[in-house]
PDB file of N, CA and C in Angstrom:
ATOM      1  N   MET A   1      97.446 115.037  94.459  1.00  0.00           N
ATOM      2  CA  MET A   1      96.711 114.919  95.701  1.00  0.00           C
ATOM      3  C   MET A   1      96.976 113.547  96.289  1.00  0.00           C
ATOM      4  N   ARG A   2      96.927 113.481  97.575  1.00  0.00           N
ATOM      5  CA  ARG A   2      97.154 112.224  98.284  1.00  0.00           C
ATOM      6  C   ARG A   2      95.785 111.603  98.565  1.00  0.00           C
ATOM      7  N   VAL A   3      95.622 110.347  98.168  1.00  0.00           N
ATOM      8  CA  VAL A   3      94.344 109.656  98.307  1.00  0.00           C
ATOM      9  C   VAL A   3      94.549 108.413  99.169  1.00  0.00           C
ATOM     10  N   GLN A   4      93.822 108.368 100.279  1.00  0.00           N
ATOM     11  CA  GLN A   4      93.847 107.207 101.170  1.00  0.00           C
ATOM     12  C   GLN A   4      92.675 106.312 100.801  1.00  0.00           C
ATOM     13  N   LEU A   5      92.973 105.071 100.453  1.00  0.00           N
ATOM     14  CA  LEU A   5      91.950 104.088 100.084  1.00  0.00           C
ATOM     15  C   LEU A   5      91.908 102.981 101.126  1.00  0.00           C
ATOM     16  N   SER A   6      90.740 102.352 101.234  1.00  0.00           N
ATOM     17  CA  SER A   6      90.634 101.189 102.107  1.00  0.00           C
ATOM     18  C   SER A   6      90.116 100.018 101.279  1.00  0.00           C
ATOM     19  N   HIS A   7      90.321  98.834 101.763  1.00  0.00           N
ATOM     20  CA  HIS A   7      89.877  97.589 101.085  1.00  0.00           C
ATOM     21  C   HIS A   7      90.530  97.402  99.739  1.00  0.00           C
ATOM     22  N   PRO A   8      91.774  97.139  99.607  1.00  0.00           N
ATOM     23  CA  PRO A   8      92.807  97.085 100.640  1.00  0.00           C
ATOM     24  C   PRO A   8      93.310  98.483 100.982  1.00  0.00           C
ATOM     25  N   SER A   9      93.830  98.628 102.167  1.00  0.00           N
ATOM     26  CA  SER A   9      94.316  99.909 102.648  1.00  0.00           C
ATOM     27  C   SER A   9      95.607 100.285 101.932  1.00  0.00           C
ATOM     28  N   ARG A  10      95.585 101.469 101.325  1.00  0.00           N
ATOM     29  CA  ARG A  10      96.770 101.961 100.620  1.00  0.00           C
ATOM     30  C   ARG A  10      96.626 103.458 100.383  1.00  0.00           C
ATOM     31  N   THR A  11      97.741 104.112 100.092  1.00  0.00           N
ATOM     32  CA  THR A  11      97.757 105.533  99.764  1.00  0.00           C
ATOM     33  C   THR A  11      98.363 105.683  98.379  1.00  0.00           C
ATOM     34  N   VAL A  12      97.701 106.486  97.534  1.00  0.00           N
ATOM     35  CA  VAL A  12      98.198 106.741  96.186  1.00  0.00           C
ATOM     36  C   VAL A  12      98.220 108.244  95.947  1.00  0.00           C
ATOM     37  N   ASP A  13      99.064 108.670  95.029  1.00  0.00           N
ATOM     38  CA  ASP A  13      99.117 110.068  94.619  1.00  0.00           C
ATOM     39  C   ASP A  13      98.474 110.195  93.242  1.00  0.00           C
ATOM     40  N   VAL A  14      97.624 111.220  93.101  1.00  0.00           N
ATOM     41  CA  VAL A  14      96.939 111.501  91.840  1.00  0.00           C
ATOM     42  C   VAL A  14      97.220 112.953  91.488  1.00  0.00           C
ATOM     43  N   LYS A  15      97.573 113.206  90.251  1.00  0.00           N
ATOM     44  CA  LYS A  15      97.840 114.576  89.791  1.00  0.00           C
ATOM     45  C   LYS A  15      96.531 115.341  89.654  1.00  0.00           C
ATOM     46  N   GLY A  16      96.505 116.561  90.108  1.00  0.00           N
ATOM     47  CA  GLY A  16      95.335 117.424  89.997  1.00  0.00           C
ATOM     48  C   GLY A  16      95.729 118.716  89.329  1.00  0.00           C
ATOM     49  N   PRO A  17      94.827 119.628  89.187  1.00  0.00           N
ATOM     50  CA  PRO A  17      93.433 119.553  89.633  1.00  0.00           C
ATOM     51  C   PRO A  17      92.597 118.709  88.678  1.00  0.00           C
ATOM     52  N   LYS A  18      91.552 118.098  89.237  1.00  0.00           N
ATOM     53  CA  LYS A  18      90.585 117.366  88.424  1.00  0.00           C
ATOM     54  C   LYS A  18      89.318 117.140  89.221  1.00  0.00           C
ATOM     55  N   LYS A  19      88.241 116.830  88.511  1.00  0.00           N
ATOM     56  CA  LYS A  19      86.960 116.573  89.171  1.00  0.00           C
ATOM     57  C   LYS A  19      87.032 115.260  89.929  1.00  0.00           C
ATOM     58  N   ALA A  20      86.236 115.200  90.996  1.00  0.00           N
ATOM     59  CA  ALA A  20      86.214 114.011  91.839  1.00  0.00           C
ATOM     60  C   ALA A  20      85.878 112.762  91.033  1.00  0.00           C
ATOM     61  N   LYS A  21      84.926 112.856  90.093  1.00  0.00           N
ATOM     62  CA  LYS A  21      84.553 111.682  89.307  1.00  0.00           C
ATOM     63  C   LYS A  21      85.710 111.214  88.430  1.00  0.00           C
ATOM     64  N   ASP A  22      86.589 112.139  88.018  1.00  0.00           N
ATOM     65  CA  ASP A  22      87.752 111.755  87.226  1.00  0.00           C
ATOM     66  C   ASP A  22      88.808 111.049  88.079  1.00  0.00           C
ATOM     67  N   VAL A  23      88.899 111.426  89.340  1.00  0.00           N
ATOM     68  CA  VAL A  23      89.804 110.728  90.263  1.00  0.00           C
ATOM     69  C   VAL A  23      89.334 109.285  90.429  1.00  0.00           C
ATOM     70  N   LEU A  24      88.027 109.111  90.646  1.00  0.00           N
ATOM     71  CA  LEU A  24      87.489 107.760  90.788  1.00  0.00           C
ATOM     72  C   LEU A  24      87.725 106.946  89.525  1.00  0.00           C
ATOM     73  N   ARG A  25      87.495 107.551  88.383  1.00  0.00           N
ATOM     74  CA  ARG A  25      87.692 106.855  87.107  1.00  0.00           C
ATOM     75  C   ARG A  25      89.157 106.434  86.947  1.00  0.00           C
ATOM     76  N   GLU A  26      90.069 107.330  87.298  1.00  0.00           N
ATOM     77  CA  GLU A  26      91.499 107.021  87.190  1.00  0.00           C
ATOM     78  C   GLU A  26      91.897 105.846  88.082  1.00  0.00           C
ATOM     79  N   LEU A  27      91.208 105.721  89.214  1.00  0.00           N
ATOM     80  CA  LEU A  27      91.494 104.643  90.157  1.00  0.00           C
ATOM     81  C   LEU A  27      90.630 103.405  89.907  1.00  0.00           C
ATOM     82  N   ASN A  28      89.852 103.422  88.806  1.00  0.00           N
ATOM     83  CA  ASN A  28      88.973 102.308  88.441  1.00  0.00           C
ATOM     84  C   ASN A  28      87.952 101.986  89.526  1.00  0.00           C
ATOM     85  N   LEU A  29      87.368 103.054  90.106  1.00  0.00           N
ATOM     86  CA  LEU A  29      86.351 102.912  91.143  1.00  0.00           C
ATOM     87  C   LEU A  29      85.033 103.481  90.643  1.00  0.00           C
ATOM     88  N   LEU A  30      83.929 102.842  90.995  1.00  0.00           N
ATOM     89  CA  LEU A  30      82.605 103.328  90.608  1.00  0.00           C
ATOM     90  C   LEU A  30      82.147 104.435  91.548  1.00  0.00           C
ATOM     91  N   ALA A  31      81.687 105.540  90.963  1.00  0.00           N
ATOM     92  CA  ALA A  31      81.219 106.675  91.765  1.00  0.00           C
ATOM     93  C   ALA A  31      80.037 106.276  92.647  1.00  0.00           C
ATOM     94  N   GLU A  32      79.174 105.387  92.145  1.00  0.00           N
ATOM     95  CA  GLU A  32      77.985 104.968  92.899  1.00  0.00           C
ATOM     96  C   GLU A  32      78.333 104.104  94.107  1.00  0.00           C
ATOM     97  N   ALA A  33      79.541 103.582  94.138  1.00  0.00           N
ATOM     98  CA  ALA A  33      79.920 102.651  95.194  1.00  0.00           C
ATOM     99  C   ALA A  33      80.958 103.208  96.165  1.00  0.00           C
ATOM    100  N   HIS A  34      81.311 104.513  96.011  1.00  0.00           N
ATOM    101  CA  HIS A  34      82.364 105.081  96.851  1.00  0.00           C
ATOM    102  C   HIS A  34      82.028 106.506  97.292  1.00  0.00           C
ATOM    103  N   LEU A  35      82.513 106.856  98.475  1.00  0.00           N
ATOM    104  CA  LEU A  35      82.403 108.211  99.014  1.00  0.00           C
ATOM    105  C   LEU A  35      83.784 108.844  99.007  1.00  0.00           C
ATOM    106  N   ILE A  36      83.836 110.120  98.625  1.00  0.00           N
ATOM    107  CA  ILE A  36      85.088 110.869  98.680  1.00  0.00           C
ATOM    108  C   ILE A  36      84.968 111.875  99.812  1.00  0.00           C
ATOM    109  N   ILE A  37      85.955 111.870 100.688  1.00  0.00           N
ATOM    110  CA  ILE A  37      85.943 112.743 101.863  1.00  0.00           C
ATOM    111  C   ILE A  37      87.192 113.610 101.835  1.00  0.00           C
ATOM    112  N   ARG A  38      86.976 114.929 101.961  1.00  0.00           N
ATOM    113  CA  ARG A  38      88.091 115.888 102.064  1.00  0.00           C
ATOM    114  C   ARG A  38      87.921 116.583 103.397  1.00  0.00           C
ATOM    115  N   GLY A  39      88.857 116.346 104.298  1.00  0.00           N
ATOM    116  CA  GLY A  39      88.718 116.882 105.655  1.00  0.00           C
ATOM    117  C   GLY A  39      87.561 116.183 106.342  1.00  0.00           C
ATOM    118  N   ASP A  40      86.553 116.960 106.742  1.00  0.00           N
ATOM    119  CA  ASP A  40      85.364 116.406 107.389  1.00  0.00           C
ATOM    120  C   ASP A  40      84.141 116.483 106.488  1.00  0.00           C
ATOM    121  N   GLU A  41      84.337 116.749 105.202  1.00  0.00           N
ATOM    122  CA  GLU A  41      83.200 116.959 104.305  1.00  0.00           C
ATOM    123  C   GLU A  41      83.184 115.958 103.157  1.00  0.00           C
ATOM    124  N   LEU A  42      81.965 115.532 102.801  1.00  0.00           N
ATOM    125  CA  LEU A  42      81.800 114.709 101.614  1.00  0.00           C
ATOM    126  C   LEU A  42      81.968 115.576 100.375  1.00  0.00           C
ATOM    127  N   VAL A  43      82.542 115.019  99.345  1.00  0.00           N
ATOM    128  CA  VAL A  43      82.780 115.727  98.093  1.00  0.00           C
ATOM    129  C   VAL A  43      81.832 115.163  97.047  1.00  0.00           C
ATOM    130  N   THR A  44      81.175 116.036  96.281  1.00  0.00           N
ATOM    131  CA  THR A  44      80.327 115.570  95.192  1.00  0.00           C
ATOM    132  C   THR A  44      81.201 115.195  94.004  1.00  0.00           C
ATOM    133  N   GLU A  45      80.672 114.366  93.112  1.00  0.00           N
ATOM    134  CA  GLU A  45      81.496 113.877  92.001  1.00  0.00           C
ATOM    135  C   GLU A  45      81.852 114.961  90.992  1.00  0.00           C
ATOM    136  N   ASP A  46      81.131 116.084  90.973  1.00  0.00           N
ATOM    137  CA  ASP A  46      81.436 117.173  90.044  1.00  0.00           C
ATOM    138  C   ASP A  46      82.333 118.247  90.654  1.00  0.00           C
ATOM    139  N   GLU A  47      82.714 118.070  91.904  1.00  0.00           N
ATOM    140  CA  GLU A  47      83.546 119.059  92.583  1.00  0.00           C
ATOM    141  C   GLU A  47      85.001 118.966  92.125  1.00  0.00           C
ATOM    142  N   MET A  48      85.628 120.139  91.929  1.00  0.00           N
ATOM    143  CA  MET A  48      87.040 120.178  91.533  1.00  0.00           C
ATOM    144  C   MET A  48      87.920 119.946  92.759  1.00  0.00           C
ATOM    145  N   LEU A  49      88.932 119.132  92.577  1.00  0.00           N
ATOM    146  CA  LEU A  49      89.885 118.830  93.637  1.00  0.00           C
ATOM    147  C   LEU A  49      91.241 119.381  93.246  1.00  0.00           C
ATOM    148  N   ALA A  50      91.930 119.958  94.213  1.00  0.00           N
ATOM    149  CA  ALA A  50      93.229 120.574  93.965  1.00  0.00           C
ATOM    150  C   ALA A  50      94.352 119.553  94.131  1.00  0.00           C
ATOM    151  N   ASP A  51      95.483 119.874  93.550  1.00  0.00           N
ATOM    152  CA  ASP A  51      96.642 118.992  93.612  1.00  0.00           C
ATOM    153  C   ASP A  51      97.133 118.786  95.043  1.00  0.00           C
ATOM    154  N   ASN A  52      96.870 119.749  95.931  1.00  0.00           N
ATOM    155  CA  ASN A  52      97.358 119.640  97.316  1.00  0.00           C
ATOM    156  C   ASN A  52      96.303 119.102  98.286  1.00  0.00           C
ATOM    157  N   ASP A  53      95.176 118.595  97.783  1.00  0.00           N
ATOM    158  CA  ASP A  53      94.134 118.036  98.649  1.00  0.00           C
ATOM    159  C   ASP A  53      94.541 116.678  99.202  1.00  0.00           C
ATOM    160  N   ASP A  54      94.109 116.420 100.427  1.00  0.00           N
ATOM    161  CA  ASP A  54      94.219 115.094 101.029  1.00  0.00           C
ATOM    162  C   ASP A  54      92.818 114.512 101.074  1.00  0.00           C
ATOM    163  N   LEU A  55      92.635 113.355 100.458  1.00  0.00           N
ATOM    164  CA  LEU A  55      91.320 112.744 100.339  1.00  0.00           C
ATOM    165  C   LEU A  55      91.313 111.365 100.967  1.00  0.00           C
ATOM    166  N   GLU A  56      90.117 110.949 101.332  1.00  0.00           N
ATOM    167  CA  GLU A  56      89.896 109.569 101.743  1.00  0.00           C
ATOM    168  C   GLU A  56      88.750 109.049 100.897  1.00  0.00           C
ATOM    169  N   ILE A  57      88.906 107.863 100.330  1.00  0.00           N
ATOM    170  CA  ILE A  57      87.843 107.241  99.557  1.00  0.00           C
ATOM    171  C   ILE A  57      87.422 105.980 100.281  1.00  0.00           C
ATOM    172  N   ARG A  58      86.119 105.923 100.598  1.00  0.00           N
ATOM    173  CA  ARG A  58      85.565 104.786 101.328  1.00  0.00           C
ATOM    174  C   ARG A  58      84.502 104.106 100.484  1.00  0.00           C
ATOM    175  N   PRO A  59      84.438 102.793 100.525  1.00  0.00           N
ATOM    176  CA  PRO A  59      83.349 102.104  99.830  1.00  0.00           C
ATOM    177  C   PRO A  59      82.033 102.324 100.571  1.00  0.00           C
ATOM    178  N   VAL A  60      80.957 102.399  99.820  1.00  0.00           N
ATOM    179  CA  VAL A  60      79.619 102.489 100.415  1.00  0.00           C
ATOM    180  C   VAL A  60      79.238 101.094 100.877  1.00  0.00           C
ATOM    181  N   ILE A  61      78.838 101.006 102.134  1.00  0.00           N
ATOM    182  CA  ILE A  61      78.447  99.718 102.700  1.00  0.00           C
ATOM    183  C   ILE A  61      77.009  99.830 103.204  1.00  0.00           C
ATOM    184  N   SER A  62      76.178  98.912 102.779  1.00  0.00           N
ATOM    185  CA  SER A  62      74.805  98.919 103.256  1.00  0.00           C
ATOM    186  C   SER A  62      74.465  97.533 103.764  1.00  0.00           C
ATOM    187  N   GLY A  63      73.492  97.484 104.618  1.00  0.00           N
ATOM    188  CA  GLY A  63      73.096  96.209 105.162  1.00  0.00           C
ATOM    189  C   GLY A  63      71.722  96.318 105.799  1.00  0.00           C
ATOM    190  N   GLY A  64      71.257  95.235 106.253  1.00  0.00           N
ATOM    191  CA  GLY A  64      69.920  95.272 106.830  1.00  0.00           C
ATOM    192  C   GLY A  64      69.809  94.450 108.060  1.00  0.00           C
TER     193      GLY A  64
END
């Protein structure tokens, strides 16, 4: 699957199928600190992702 990351901006390929939380783990990212987006939908960490999925992973940003 093709994964678009930001901060720093880059694209990586990850072999699938695998659960979203395993993709984050493989990329050394914390599930609590990142959102996974497939198309226009958020993906839960237990959702299976296919090898042909295009994903975007964004950091969670909060402020006040």
